[in-house]
Amino acid sequence: MKIANSLRSLKKRHMKCRTVRRKGRIYVINKQNPRFKARQG
């Protein structure tokens, strides 16, 4: 999982990437290709 300052560029890596807020953190999750996971905060 990448920990990034800005998830904006990471969200565009794949069509199925979506951003989710959980417990004050912002995550990029991708069911199809889990290696695109990322977190901010």
N, C-alpha and C. Protein backbone atom coordinates (compact mmCIF):
# COMPACT_ATOMS: atom_id res chain seq x y z
N MET A 1 0.84 -1.19 0.00
CA MET A 1 0.00 0.00 0.00
C MET A 1 0.88 1.25 0.00
N LYS A 2 0.57 2.15 -0.90
CA LYS A 2 1.30 3.42 -0.95
C LYS A 2 0.70 4.40 0.04
N ILE A 3 1.54 5.18 0.70
CA ILE A 3 1.07 6.28 1.54
C ILE A 3 1.49 7.56 0.87
N ALA A 4 0.51 8.35 0.42
CA ALA A 4 0.81 9.48 -0.46
C ALA A 4 0.31 10.79 0.12
N ASN A 5 0.96 11.88 -0.30
CA ASN A 5 0.50 13.20 0.10
C ASN A 5 -0.77 13.57 -0.64
N SER A 6 -0.84 13.20 -1.89
CA SER A 6 -2.02 13.51 -2.69
C SER A 6 -2.45 12.27 -3.44
N LEU A 7 -3.73 11.95 -3.33
CA LEU A 7 -4.23 10.75 -3.99
C LEU A 7 -4.78 11.04 -5.37
N ARG A 8 -4.71 12.29 -5.79
CA ARG A 8 -5.34 12.67 -7.04
C ARG A 8 -4.75 11.93 -8.23
N SER A 9 -3.43 11.84 -8.29
CA SER A 9 -2.79 11.14 -9.41
C SER A 9 -2.97 9.63 -9.29
N LEU A 10 -3.02 9.13 -8.05
CA LEU A 10 -3.14 7.68 -7.87
C LEU A 10 -4.52 7.19 -8.26
N LYS A 11 -5.51 8.07 -8.16
CA LYS A 11 -6.87 7.68 -8.51
C LYS A 11 -7.01 7.44 -10.00
N LYS A 12 -6.16 8.12 -10.80
CA LYS A 12 -6.27 8.00 -12.25
C LYS A 12 -5.49 6.83 -12.83
N ARG A 13 -4.88 6.03 -11.97
CA ARG A 13 -4.05 4.95 -12.49
C ARG A 13 -4.86 3.85 -13.17
N HIS A 14 -6.11 3.68 -12.73
CA HIS A 14 -6.91 2.58 -13.24
C HIS A 14 -8.36 3.00 -13.26
N MET A 15 -9.11 2.39 -14.15
CA MET A 15 -10.52 2.78 -14.30
C MET A 15 -11.34 2.46 -13.05
N LYS A 16 -11.00 1.36 -12.37
CA LYS A 16 -11.81 0.88 -11.26
C LYS A 16 -11.39 1.45 -9.90
N CYS A 17 -10.41 2.35 -9.89
CA CYS A 17 -9.96 2.93 -8.63
C CYS A 17 -11.03 3.87 -8.07
N ARG A 18 -11.32 3.73 -6.77
CA ARG A 18 -12.23 4.69 -6.14
C ARG A 18 -11.70 5.12 -4.78
N THR A 19 -12.03 6.34 -4.41
CA THR A 19 -11.57 6.88 -3.13
C THR A 19 -12.66 6.68 -2.09
N VAL A 20 -12.23 6.31 -0.88
CA VAL A 20 -13.15 6.02 0.22
C VAL A 20 -12.60 6.67 1.48
N ARG A 21 -13.48 7.25 2.29
CA ARG A 21 -13.07 7.79 3.59
C ARG A 21 -13.41 6.79 4.68
N ARG A 22 -12.41 6.45 5.48
CA ARG A 22 -12.63 5.56 6.62
C ARG A 22 -11.82 6.07 7.79
N LYS A 23 -12.50 6.34 8.91
CA LYS A 23 -11.85 6.75 10.16
C LYS A 23 -10.91 7.93 9.94
N GLY A 24 -11.34 8.91 9.15
CA GLY A 24 -10.54 10.11 8.95
C GLY A 24 -9.40 9.95 7.97
N ARG A 25 -9.26 8.77 7.41
CA ARG A 25 -8.22 8.55 6.40
C ARG A 25 -8.89 8.38 5.05
N ILE A 26 -8.16 8.73 4.02
CA ILE A 26 -8.69 8.59 2.67
C ILE A 26 -7.94 7.46 1.98
N TYR A 27 -8.68 6.53 1.42
CA TYR A 27 -8.08 5.36 0.78
C TYR A 27 -8.45 5.32 -0.69
N VAL A 28 -7.53 4.79 -1.49
CA VAL A 28 -7.85 4.42 -2.86
C VAL A 28 -7.92 2.91 -2.88
N ILE A 29 -9.06 2.37 -3.28
CA ILE A 29 -9.20 0.91 -3.33
C ILE A 29 -9.55 0.48 -4.74
N ASN A 30 -9.13 -0.73 -5.06
CA ASN A 30 -9.38 -1.28 -6.38
C ASN A 30 -9.57 -2.79 -6.23
N LYS A 31 -10.81 -3.22 -6.45
CA LYS A 31 -11.11 -4.65 -6.30
C LYS A 31 -10.42 -5.49 -7.37
N GLN A 32 -10.35 -4.94 -8.58
CA GLN A 32 -9.82 -5.72 -9.70
C GLN A 32 -8.31 -5.92 -9.59
N ASN A 33 -7.60 -4.85 -9.19
CA ASN A 33 -6.15 -4.93 -9.11
C ASN A 33 -5.68 -4.35 -7.78
N PRO A 34 -5.57 -5.17 -6.73
CA PRO A 34 -5.30 -4.67 -5.38
C PRO A 34 -3.95 -4.00 -5.21
N ARG A 35 -3.06 -4.08 -6.18
CA ARG A 35 -1.77 -3.41 -5.98
C ARG A 35 -1.87 -1.90 -6.12
N PHE A 36 -3.02 -1.38 -6.53
CA PHE A 36 -3.21 0.06 -6.62
C PHE A 36 -3.72 0.67 -5.32
N LYS A 37 -3.71 -0.10 -4.22
CA LYS A 37 -4.18 0.44 -2.96
C LYS A 37 -3.29 1.59 -2.49
N ALA A 38 -3.93 2.62 -1.92
CA ALA A 38 -3.16 3.75 -1.40
C ALA A 38 -3.92 4.37 -0.24
N ARG A 39 -3.17 5.16 0.56
CA ARG A 39 -3.76 5.76 1.73
C ARG A 39 -3.19 7.16 1.92
N GLN A 40 -4.03 8.05 2.47
CA GLN A 40 -3.56 9.39 2.81
C GLN A 40 -4.05 9.74 4.21
N GLY A 41 -3.17 10.35 5.03
CA GLY A 41 -3.58 10.80 6.36
C GLY A 41 -3.37 9.75 7.44
